[in-house]
Amino acid sequence: MDSILDYLASQSERVVSQSNKNAMELLVAQEIKKQLEPCSAEIKELVNQVEVATYALNRLPSLYASSEEGLAWQKQRGQKEMQQLITATVREALEVVRKDPARFSTPLLPPERQEIQEAREALQELLDWLWMYQGEIPRNDASWRELIKIVKQIVSQAVKKEIDESETQALS
């Protein structure tokens, strides 16, 4: 198991349908926005806010909630009890990330973006395979709709060929 969430999800359908949020993520995002507000648009563009948030969140306690009421309570608690710590930690994170703006990293994709990327790769693989066996198919990137037309055309041709062959055999 990769995480406790994976374990919980494997244990109960109810857990799978339920979600939770870390109120600290919301508080850190607000603080980053607040601290970057006086900065120029150029500086805001240069700062990788995801890295700033990640740095800060790794140094702050989590405030998870599984309901809207719990989330509101955790946010209020975080603001009341930890705002100075959040402000200082985000300031530190901004300094660290600003000192090394040329950090090269491959960002993690959200699950929905990952699925889209995998679908595109599968589409391209299918197009390449079809192109190998059906030379008249364009090799360039095709849309899902174009792929459906191509596959329908190939299947129709195969069915027609099979019907023609069986009729020829019946006549013989």
N, C-alpha and C. Protein backbone atom coordinates (compact mmCIF):
# COMPACT_ATOMS: atom_id res chain seq x y z
N MET A 1 0.84 -1.18 0.00
CA MET A 1 0.00 0.00 0.00
C MET A 1 0.89 1.25 0.00
N ASP A 2 0.54 2.24 -0.82
CA ASP A 2 1.32 3.46 -0.89
C ASP A 2 1.01 4.42 0.25
N SER A 3 -0.25 4.43 0.70
CA SER A 3 -0.62 5.37 1.74
C SER A 3 -1.78 4.84 2.55
N ILE A 4 -2.05 5.53 3.62
CA ILE A 4 -3.18 5.16 4.46
C ILE A 4 -4.48 5.31 3.67
N LEU A 5 -4.54 6.30 2.78
CA LEU A 5 -5.74 6.49 1.97
C LEU A 5 -5.97 5.31 1.05
N ASP A 6 -4.89 4.75 0.48
CA ASP A 6 -5.04 3.57 -0.35
C ASP A 6 -5.59 2.41 0.47
N TYR A 7 -5.06 2.27 1.69
CA TYR A 7 -5.53 1.20 2.56
C TYR A 7 -7.00 1.38 2.90
N LEU A 8 -7.35 2.60 3.31
CA LEU A 8 -8.75 2.85 3.66
C LEU A 8 -9.67 2.64 2.46
N ALA A 9 -9.23 3.09 1.31
CA ALA A 9 -10.05 2.92 0.12
C ALA A 9 -10.26 1.45 -0.20
N SER A 10 -9.27 0.62 0.07
CA SER A 10 -9.40 -0.80 -0.22
C SER A 10 -10.32 -1.49 0.79
N GLN A 11 -10.56 -0.86 1.92
CA GLN A 11 -11.34 -1.48 2.99
C GLN A 11 -12.83 -1.21 2.92
N SER A 12 -13.24 -0.12 2.29
CA SER A 12 -14.65 0.24 2.37
C SER A 12 -15.09 1.10 1.20
N GLU A 13 -16.25 0.76 0.63
CA GLU A 13 -16.82 1.59 -0.43
C GLU A 13 -17.16 2.96 0.11
N ARG A 14 -17.62 3.02 1.36
CA ARG A 14 -18.00 4.29 1.97
C ARG A 14 -16.81 5.25 2.02
N VAL A 15 -15.65 4.72 2.33
CA VAL A 15 -14.46 5.55 2.41
C VAL A 15 -14.08 6.07 1.04
N VAL A 16 -14.26 5.23 0.01
CA VAL A 16 -13.92 5.65 -1.35
C VAL A 16 -14.76 6.84 -1.78
N SER A 17 -16.04 6.83 -1.39
CA SER A 17 -16.93 7.91 -1.82
C SER A 17 -16.76 9.17 -0.98
N GLN A 18 -16.09 9.04 0.16
CA GLN A 18 -15.90 10.17 1.04
C GLN A 18 -14.54 10.81 0.74
N SER A 19 -14.43 12.09 0.99
CA SER A 19 -13.20 12.79 0.69
C SER A 19 -12.74 13.54 1.94
N ASN A 20 -11.50 13.96 1.91
CA ASN A 20 -11.01 14.81 2.98
C ASN A 20 -10.12 15.89 2.37
N LYS A 21 -9.95 16.96 3.11
CA LYS A 21 -9.10 18.07 2.66
C LYS A 21 -8.24 18.53 3.82
N ASN A 22 -7.08 19.04 3.45
CA ASN A 22 -6.15 19.59 4.43
C ASN A 22 -6.34 21.11 4.44
N ALA A 23 -6.92 21.62 5.51
CA ALA A 23 -7.17 23.06 5.63
C ALA A 23 -5.86 23.85 5.57
N MET A 24 -4.76 23.22 5.97
CA MET A 24 -3.47 23.91 5.94
C MET A 24 -3.09 24.28 4.50
N GLU A 25 -3.46 23.44 3.53
CA GLU A 25 -3.20 23.77 2.12
C GLU A 25 -3.89 25.06 1.74
N LEU A 26 -5.13 25.23 2.18
CA LEU A 26 -5.88 26.44 1.87
C LEU A 26 -5.25 27.66 2.55
N LEU A 27 -4.84 27.49 3.80
CA LEU A 27 -4.22 28.60 4.54
C LEU A 27 -2.88 29.00 3.92
N VAL A 28 -2.10 28.02 3.51
CA VAL A 28 -0.80 28.31 2.88
C VAL A 28 -1.02 29.01 1.54
N ALA A 29 -1.98 28.56 0.75
CA ALA A 29 -2.26 29.21 -0.54
C ALA A 29 -2.67 30.67 -0.33
N GLN A 30 -3.50 30.93 0.68
CA GLN A 30 -3.89 32.31 0.99
C GLN A 30 -2.69 33.15 1.39
N GLU A 31 -1.82 32.56 2.18
CA GLU A 31 -0.65 33.30 2.66
C GLU A 31 0.32 33.59 1.52
N ILE A 32 0.50 32.63 0.63
CA ILE A 32 1.38 32.86 -0.53
C ILE A 32 0.83 34.02 -1.35
N LYS A 33 -0.47 33.98 -1.62
CA LYS A 33 -1.11 35.05 -2.40
C LYS A 33 -0.92 36.40 -1.70
N LYS A 34 -1.11 36.43 -0.39
CA LYS A 34 -0.97 37.66 0.40
C LYS A 34 0.46 38.20 0.32
N GLN A 35 1.45 37.30 0.47
CA GLN A 35 2.84 37.76 0.47
C GLN A 35 3.32 38.15 -0.93
N LEU A 36 2.73 37.58 -1.97
CA LEU A 36 3.13 37.93 -3.33
C LEU A 36 2.37 39.14 -3.87
N GLU A 37 1.31 39.54 -3.19
CA GLU A 37 0.47 40.65 -3.65
C GLU A 37 1.26 41.92 -3.97
N PRO A 38 2.17 42.36 -3.10
CA PRO A 38 2.89 43.60 -3.41
C PRO A 38 3.96 43.44 -4.51
N CYS A 39 4.25 42.23 -4.91
CA CYS A 39 5.30 41.98 -5.91
C CYS A 39 4.80 42.29 -7.32
N SER A 40 5.76 42.55 -8.20
CA SER A 40 5.42 42.81 -9.60
C SER A 40 4.94 41.53 -10.27
N ALA A 41 4.26 41.70 -11.39
CA ALA A 41 3.76 40.55 -12.15
C ALA A 41 4.92 39.66 -12.60
N GLU A 42 6.06 40.28 -12.93
CA GLU A 42 7.23 39.51 -13.37
C GLU A 42 7.74 38.59 -12.26
N ILE A 43 7.80 39.10 -11.05
CA ILE A 43 8.28 38.29 -9.92
C ILE A 43 7.28 37.18 -9.62
N LYS A 44 6.00 37.51 -9.64
CA LYS A 44 4.97 36.50 -9.40
C LYS A 44 5.08 35.36 -10.41
N GLU A 45 5.40 35.73 -11.64
CA GLU A 45 5.53 34.73 -12.70
C GLU A 45 6.76 33.84 -12.49
N LEU A 46 7.83 34.42 -11.94
CA LEU A 46 9.07 33.67 -11.73
C LEU A 46 8.98 32.70 -10.55
N VAL A 47 8.15 33.01 -9.58
CA VAL A 47 8.06 32.19 -8.37
C VAL A 47 7.18 30.97 -8.65
N ASN A 48 7.74 29.80 -8.43
CA ASN A 48 6.98 28.57 -8.58
C ASN A 48 6.17 28.37 -7.30
N GLN A 49 4.90 28.77 -7.36
CA GLN A 49 4.06 28.75 -6.17
C GLN A 49 3.80 27.33 -5.66
N VAL A 50 3.82 26.37 -6.55
CA VAL A 50 3.63 24.98 -6.12
C VAL A 50 4.82 24.55 -5.26
N GLU A 51 6.03 24.93 -5.66
CA GLU A 51 7.20 24.57 -4.85
C GLU A 51 7.19 25.31 -3.51
N VAL A 52 6.73 26.57 -3.53
CA VAL A 52 6.64 27.33 -2.28
C VAL A 52 5.66 26.64 -1.34
N ALA A 53 4.49 26.29 -1.86
CA ALA A 53 3.48 25.62 -1.03
C ALA A 53 3.99 24.28 -0.52
N THR A 54 4.63 23.52 -1.38
CA THR A 54 5.14 22.21 -0.98
C THR A 54 6.18 22.35 0.13
N TYR A 55 7.09 23.29 -0.04
CA TYR A 55 8.12 23.53 0.98
C TYR A 55 7.46 23.87 2.31
N ALA A 56 6.51 24.80 2.27
CA ALA A 56 5.85 25.23 3.51
C ALA A 56 5.03 24.10 4.13
N LEU A 57 4.27 23.38 3.33
CA LEU A 57 3.42 22.31 3.86
C LEU A 57 4.22 21.19 4.50
N ASN A 58 5.42 20.97 3.99
CA ASN A 58 6.28 19.94 4.58
C ASN A 58 6.81 20.35 5.95
N ARG A 59 6.64 21.61 6.30
CA ARG A 59 7.14 22.10 7.59
C ARG A 59 6.02 22.51 8.54
N LEU A 60 4.79 22.38 8.12
CA LEU A 60 3.64 22.77 8.94
C LEU A 60 2.78 21.55 9.26
N PRO A 61 2.05 21.61 10.36
CA PRO A 61 1.17 20.47 10.69
C PRO A 61 -0.04 20.40 9.75
N SER A 62 -0.53 19.21 9.56
CA SER A 62 -1.73 19.00 8.74
C SER A 62 -2.97 19.35 9.55
N LEU A 63 -4.00 19.80 8.85
CA LEU A 63 -5.29 20.10 9.47
C LEU A 63 -6.39 19.48 8.62
N TYR A 64 -6.49 18.18 8.63
CA TYR A 64 -7.45 17.47 7.78
C TYR A 64 -8.86 17.55 8.33
N ALA A 65 -9.81 17.56 7.40
CA ALA A 65 -11.23 17.53 7.73
C ALA A 65 -11.95 16.71 6.67
N SER A 66 -13.07 16.10 7.09
CA SER A 66 -13.83 15.28 6.16
C SER A 66 -15.24 15.82 5.93
N SER A 67 -15.52 17.02 6.44
CA SER A 67 -16.82 17.65 6.22
C SER A 67 -16.60 19.14 6.01
N GLU A 68 -17.60 19.80 5.46
CA GLU A 68 -17.50 21.25 5.27
C GLU A 68 -17.35 21.97 6.61
N GLU A 69 -18.12 21.50 7.60
CA GLU A 69 -18.05 22.10 8.93
C GLU A 69 -16.67 21.88 9.55
N GLY A 70 -16.16 20.67 9.40
CA GLY A 70 -14.83 20.37 9.92
C GLY A 70 -13.75 21.19 9.22
N LEU A 71 -13.91 21.38 7.92
CA LEU A 71 -12.94 22.18 7.17
C LEU A 71 -12.95 23.63 7.65
N ALA A 72 -14.14 24.18 7.84
CA ALA A 72 -14.26 25.56 8.33
C ALA A 72 -13.64 25.68 9.72
N TRP A 73 -13.89 24.68 10.58
CA TRP A 73 -13.35 24.69 11.93
C TRP A 73 -11.82 24.60 11.91
N GLN A 74 -11.29 23.71 11.06
CA GLN A 74 -9.83 23.54 10.97
C GLN A 74 -9.17 24.81 10.41
N LYS A 75 -9.80 25.45 9.43
CA LYS A 75 -9.26 26.71 8.89
C LYS A 75 -9.22 27.77 9.99
N GLN A 76 -10.32 27.88 10.72
CA GLN A 76 -10.40 28.87 11.80
C GLN A 76 -9.34 28.58 12.87
N ARG A 77 -9.21 27.31 13.22
CA ARG A 77 -8.21 26.90 14.21
C ARG A 77 -6.80 27.24 13.72
N GLY A 78 -6.53 26.93 12.44
CA GLY A 78 -5.21 27.23 11.88
C GLY A 78 -4.90 28.71 11.88
N GLN A 79 -5.91 29.52 11.51
CA GLN A 79 -5.70 30.96 11.50
C GLN A 79 -5.46 31.50 12.91
N LYS A 80 -6.23 30.99 13.85
CA LYS A 80 -6.16 31.47 15.23
C LYS A 80 -4.86 31.03 15.92
N GLU A 81 -4.53 29.75 15.78
CA GLU A 81 -3.42 29.19 16.55
C GLU A 81 -2.09 29.17 15.81
N MET A 82 -2.12 29.22 14.47
CA MET A 82 -0.87 29.00 13.73
C MET A 82 -0.56 30.06 12.67
N GLN A 83 -1.29 31.17 12.65
CA GLN A 83 -1.09 32.15 11.58
C GLN A 83 0.33 32.69 11.55
N GLN A 84 0.91 32.97 12.70
CA GLN A 84 2.28 33.49 12.72
C GLN A 84 3.26 32.46 12.17
N LEU A 85 3.05 31.20 12.53
CA LEU A 85 3.90 30.12 12.02
C LEU A 85 3.73 29.96 10.51
N ILE A 86 2.50 30.06 10.04
CA ILE A 86 2.21 29.95 8.60
C ILE A 86 2.90 31.09 7.85
N THR A 87 2.75 32.31 8.36
CA THR A 87 3.35 33.48 7.73
C THR A 87 4.87 33.33 7.65
N ALA A 88 5.50 32.94 8.76
CA ALA A 88 6.96 32.78 8.79
C ALA A 88 7.41 31.65 7.87
N THR A 89 6.68 30.56 7.85
CA THR A 89 7.07 29.41 7.04
C THR A 89 6.93 29.72 5.55
N VAL A 90 5.87 30.42 5.17
CA VAL A 90 5.70 30.80 3.76
C VAL A 90 6.79 31.80 3.36
N ARG A 91 7.12 32.73 4.25
CA ARG A 91 8.20 33.69 3.97
C ARG A 91 9.51 32.93 3.71
N GLU A 92 9.81 31.96 4.57
CA GLU A 92 11.01 31.14 4.40
C GLU A 92 10.96 30.37 3.07
N ALA A 93 9.81 29.81 2.78
CA ALA A 93 9.65 29.04 1.53
C ALA A 93 9.86 29.93 0.31
N LEU A 94 9.33 31.14 0.34
CA LEU A 94 9.53 32.08 -0.77
C LEU A 94 11.01 32.41 -0.94
N GLU A 95 11.71 32.62 0.16
CA GLU A 95 13.14 32.92 0.09
C GLU A 95 13.92 31.76 -0.51
N VAL A 96 13.63 30.56 -0.06
CA VAL A 96 14.34 29.37 -0.54
C VAL A 96 14.09 29.18 -2.03
N VAL A 97 12.85 29.30 -2.44
CA VAL A 97 12.52 29.07 -3.85
C VAL A 97 13.06 30.21 -4.72
N ARG A 98 13.03 31.44 -4.20
CA ARG A 98 13.59 32.58 -4.97
C ARG A 98 15.10 32.44 -5.16
N LYS A 99 15.80 31.90 -4.15
CA LYS A 99 17.25 31.73 -4.26
C LYS A 99 17.63 30.74 -5.34
N ASP A 100 16.74 29.82 -5.62
CA ASP A 100 17.02 28.79 -6.62
C ASP A 100 15.88 28.74 -7.65
N PRO A 101 15.69 29.85 -8.41
CA PRO A 101 14.56 29.88 -9.35
C PRO A 101 14.74 28.95 -10.55
N ALA A 102 15.97 28.51 -10.76
CA ALA A 102 16.23 27.65 -11.93
C ALA A 102 16.06 26.18 -11.60
N ARG A 103 15.34 25.88 -10.53
CA ARG A 103 15.09 24.47 -10.18
C ARG A 103 14.38 23.80 -11.35
N PHE A 104 14.96 22.73 -11.81
CA PHE A 104 14.34 22.00 -12.90
C PHE A 104 13.70 20.76 -12.32
N SER A 105 12.43 20.63 -12.53
CA SER A 105 11.73 19.45 -12.03
C SER A 105 10.57 19.15 -12.96
N THR A 106 10.16 17.93 -12.95
CA THR A 106 8.99 17.52 -13.71
C THR A 106 7.82 17.52 -12.76
N PRO A 107 6.88 18.44 -12.96
CA PRO A 107 5.77 18.52 -12.01
C PRO A 107 4.89 17.28 -12.05
N LEU A 108 4.33 16.96 -10.90
CA LEU A 108 3.38 15.86 -10.82
C LEU A 108 2.08 16.29 -11.48
N LEU A 109 1.49 15.40 -12.24
CA LEU A 109 0.22 15.71 -12.87
C LEU A 109 -0.92 15.30 -11.96
N PRO A 110 -1.98 16.11 -11.92
CA PRO A 110 -3.17 15.66 -11.18
C PRO A 110 -3.72 14.41 -11.86
N PRO A 111 -4.43 13.56 -11.12
CA PRO A 111 -4.92 12.29 -11.69
C PRO A 111 -5.68 12.46 -13.00
N GLU A 112 -6.52 13.48 -13.09
CA GLU A 112 -7.29 13.66 -14.33
C GLU A 112 -6.39 14.04 -15.51
N ARG A 113 -5.35 14.83 -15.25
CA ARG A 113 -4.40 15.18 -16.30
C ARG A 113 -3.57 13.97 -16.69
N GLN A 114 -3.23 13.13 -15.70
CA GLN A 114 -2.49 11.90 -15.96
C GLN A 114 -3.29 10.99 -16.86
N GLU A 115 -4.61 10.86 -16.59
CA GLU A 115 -5.48 10.02 -17.42
C GLU A 115 -5.53 10.55 -18.85
N ILE A 116 -5.61 11.86 -19.00
CA ILE A 116 -5.64 12.47 -20.32
C ILE A 116 -4.34 12.17 -21.06
N GLN A 117 -3.22 12.31 -20.36
CA GLN A 117 -1.92 12.01 -20.97
C GLN A 117 -1.83 10.55 -21.40
N GLU A 118 -2.29 9.64 -20.54
CA GLU A 118 -2.27 8.22 -20.88
C GLU A 118 -3.19 7.92 -22.07
N ALA A 119 -4.33 8.59 -22.13
CA ALA A 119 -5.26 8.40 -23.25
C ALA A 119 -4.62 8.88 -24.55
N ARG A 120 -3.93 10.01 -24.50
CA ARG A 120 -3.25 10.52 -25.70
C ARG A 120 -2.17 9.55 -26.17
N GLU A 121 -1.43 9.00 -25.21
CA GLU A 121 -0.38 8.05 -25.57
C GLU A 121 -0.99 6.79 -26.18
N ALA A 122 -2.11 6.33 -25.62
CA ALA A 122 -2.79 5.14 -26.17
C ALA A 122 -3.32 5.43 -27.57
N LEU A 123 -3.87 6.61 -27.76
CA LEU A 123 -4.36 7.02 -29.08
C LEU A 123 -3.22 7.00 -30.09
N GLN A 124 -2.08 7.58 -29.71
CA GLN A 124 -0.95 7.62 -30.63
C GLN A 124 -0.44 6.22 -30.93
N GLU A 125 -0.38 5.37 -29.91
CA GLU A 125 0.07 3.99 -30.12
C GLU A 125 -0.86 3.25 -31.07
N LEU A 126 -2.17 3.44 -30.90
CA LEU A 126 -3.14 2.81 -31.78
C LEU A 126 -3.01 3.34 -33.21
N LEU A 127 -2.84 4.66 -33.33
CA LEU A 127 -2.66 5.24 -34.67
C LEU A 127 -1.40 4.70 -35.34
N ASP A 128 -0.32 4.60 -34.59
CA ASP A 128 0.93 4.06 -35.16
C ASP A 128 0.72 2.61 -35.61
N TRP A 129 0.04 1.82 -34.79
CA TRP A 129 -0.21 0.42 -35.13
C TRP A 129 -1.10 0.32 -36.37
N LEU A 130 -2.15 1.13 -36.42
CA LEU A 130 -3.04 1.11 -37.59
C LEU A 130 -2.28 1.56 -38.84
N TRP A 131 -1.41 2.54 -38.68
CA TRP A 131 -0.66 3.05 -39.83
C TRP A 131 0.25 1.96 -40.40
N MET A 132 0.81 1.13 -39.51
CA MET A 132 1.68 0.03 -39.98
C MET A 132 0.90 -0.94 -40.87
N TYR A 133 -0.36 -1.19 -40.53
CA TYR A 133 -1.15 -2.19 -41.26
C TYR A 133 -2.09 -1.59 -42.28
N GLN A 134 -2.34 -0.33 -42.20
CA GLN A 134 -3.22 0.36 -43.14
C GLN A 134 -2.50 1.64 -43.57
N GLY A 135 -1.68 1.54 -44.58
CA GLY A 135 -0.81 2.64 -45.01
C GLY A 135 -1.51 3.93 -45.35
N GLU A 136 -2.80 3.89 -45.70
CA GLU A 136 -3.47 5.12 -46.11
C GLU A 136 -3.89 5.99 -44.92
N ILE A 137 -3.74 5.51 -43.72
CA ILE A 137 -4.09 6.30 -42.54
C ILE A 137 -3.01 7.35 -42.33
N PRO A 138 -3.42 8.61 -42.10
CA PRO A 138 -2.42 9.65 -41.87
C PRO A 138 -1.61 9.37 -40.61
N ARG A 139 -0.32 9.59 -40.68
CA ARG A 139 0.59 9.26 -39.58
C ARG A 139 0.54 10.32 -38.48
N ASN A 140 0.10 11.52 -38.83
CA ASN A 140 0.10 12.60 -37.83
C ASN A 140 -0.93 12.34 -36.73
N ASP A 141 -0.91 13.19 -35.73
CA ASP A 141 -1.86 13.05 -34.62
C ASP A 141 -3.28 13.20 -35.13
N ALA A 142 -4.13 12.30 -34.72
CA ALA A 142 -5.55 12.36 -35.08
C ALA A 142 -6.36 12.50 -33.80
N SER A 143 -7.55 13.03 -33.95
CA SER A 143 -8.42 13.16 -32.78
C SER A 143 -9.12 11.84 -32.50
N TRP A 144 -9.77 11.78 -31.34
CA TRP A 144 -10.54 10.58 -31.01
C TRP A 144 -11.62 10.34 -32.04
N ARG A 145 -12.29 11.41 -32.50
CA ARG A 145 -13.37 11.27 -33.50
C ARG A 145 -12.83 10.72 -34.82
N GLU A 146 -11.67 11.21 -35.23
CA GLU A 146 -11.06 10.70 -36.46
C GLU A 146 -10.68 9.23 -36.30
N LEU A 147 -10.18 8.88 -35.12
CA LEU A 147 -9.81 7.49 -34.87
C LEU A 147 -11.03 6.58 -34.95
N ILE A 148 -12.15 7.03 -34.40
CA ILE A 148 -13.39 6.25 -34.48
C ILE A 148 -13.78 6.02 -35.94
N LYS A 149 -13.70 7.06 -36.75
CA LYS A 149 -14.02 6.93 -38.18
C LYS A 149 -13.08 5.92 -38.86
N ILE A 150 -11.81 6.02 -38.54
CA ILE A 150 -10.81 5.13 -39.15
C ILE A 150 -11.09 3.68 -38.76
N VAL A 151 -11.32 3.44 -37.47
CA VAL A 151 -11.57 2.07 -37.00
C VAL A 151 -12.85 1.54 -37.60
N LYS A 152 -13.91 2.35 -37.67
CA LYS A 152 -15.17 1.92 -38.29
C LYS A 152 -14.95 1.54 -39.75
N GLN A 153 -14.18 2.36 -40.44
CA GLN A 153 -13.90 2.09 -41.85
C GLN A 153 -13.13 0.77 -42.01
N ILE A 154 -12.15 0.54 -41.18
CA ILE A 154 -11.36 -0.69 -41.26
C ILE A 154 -12.24 -1.91 -40.94
N VAL A 155 -13.05 -1.80 -39.91
CA VAL A 155 -13.93 -2.91 -39.54
C VAL A 155 -14.94 -3.17 -40.65
N SER A 156 -15.52 -2.11 -41.21
CA SER A 156 -16.48 -2.28 -42.30
C SER A 156 -15.83 -2.97 -43.50
N GLN A 157 -14.62 -2.54 -43.82
CA GLN A 157 -13.91 -3.17 -44.94
C GLN A 157 -13.64 -4.65 -44.65
N ALA A 158 -13.26 -4.96 -43.43
CA ALA A 158 -12.97 -6.35 -43.06
C ALA A 158 -14.24 -7.19 -43.13
N VAL A 159 -15.35 -6.65 -42.63
CA VAL A 159 -16.62 -7.39 -42.66
C VAL A 159 -17.06 -7.59 -44.11
N LYS A 160 -16.96 -6.54 -44.92
CA LYS A 160 -17.35 -6.64 -46.34
C LYS A 160 -16.49 -7.67 -47.05
N LYS A 161 -15.19 -7.67 -46.77
CA LYS A 161 -14.28 -8.64 -47.38
C LYS A 161 -14.67 -10.06 -46.97
N GLU A 162 -15.00 -10.25 -45.69
CA GLU A 162 -15.39 -11.56 -45.19
C GLU A 162 -16.69 -12.02 -45.85
N ILE A 163 -17.64 -11.11 -46.00
CA ILE A 163 -18.91 -11.45 -46.66
C ILE A 163 -18.67 -11.83 -48.11
N ASP A 164 -17.86 -11.03 -48.80
CA ASP A 164 -17.54 -11.32 -50.19
C ASP A 164 -16.88 -12.68 -50.33
N GLU A 165 -15.94 -13.00 -49.44
CA GLU A 165 -15.25 -14.30 -49.49
C GLU A 165 -16.22 -15.45 -49.23
N SER A 166 -17.13 -15.27 -48.26
CA SER A 166 -18.07 -16.36 -47.97
C SER A 166 -19.07 -16.54 -49.11
N GLU A 167 -19.46 -15.45 -49.78
CA GLU A 167 -20.35 -15.56 -50.94
C GLU A 167 -19.64 -16.23 -52.10
N THR A 168 -18.36 -15.93 -52.26
CA THR A 168 -17.58 -16.56 -53.32
C THR A 168 -17.45 -18.06 -53.06
N GLN A 169 -17.22 -18.42 -51.81
CA GLN A 169 -17.12 -19.84 -51.45
C GLN A 169 -18.46 -20.55 -51.63
N ALA A 170 -19.55 -19.88 -51.35
CA ALA A 170 -20.88 -20.48 -51.49
C ALA A 170 -21.20 -20.73 -52.96
N LEU A 171 -20.74 -19.86 -53.84
CA LEU A 171 -20.99 -20.01 -55.27
C LEU A 171 -20.14 -21.12 -55.87
N SER A 172 -19.02 -21.43 -55.24
CA SER A 172 -18.11 -22.43 -55.80
C SER A 172 -18.60 -23.83 -55.62
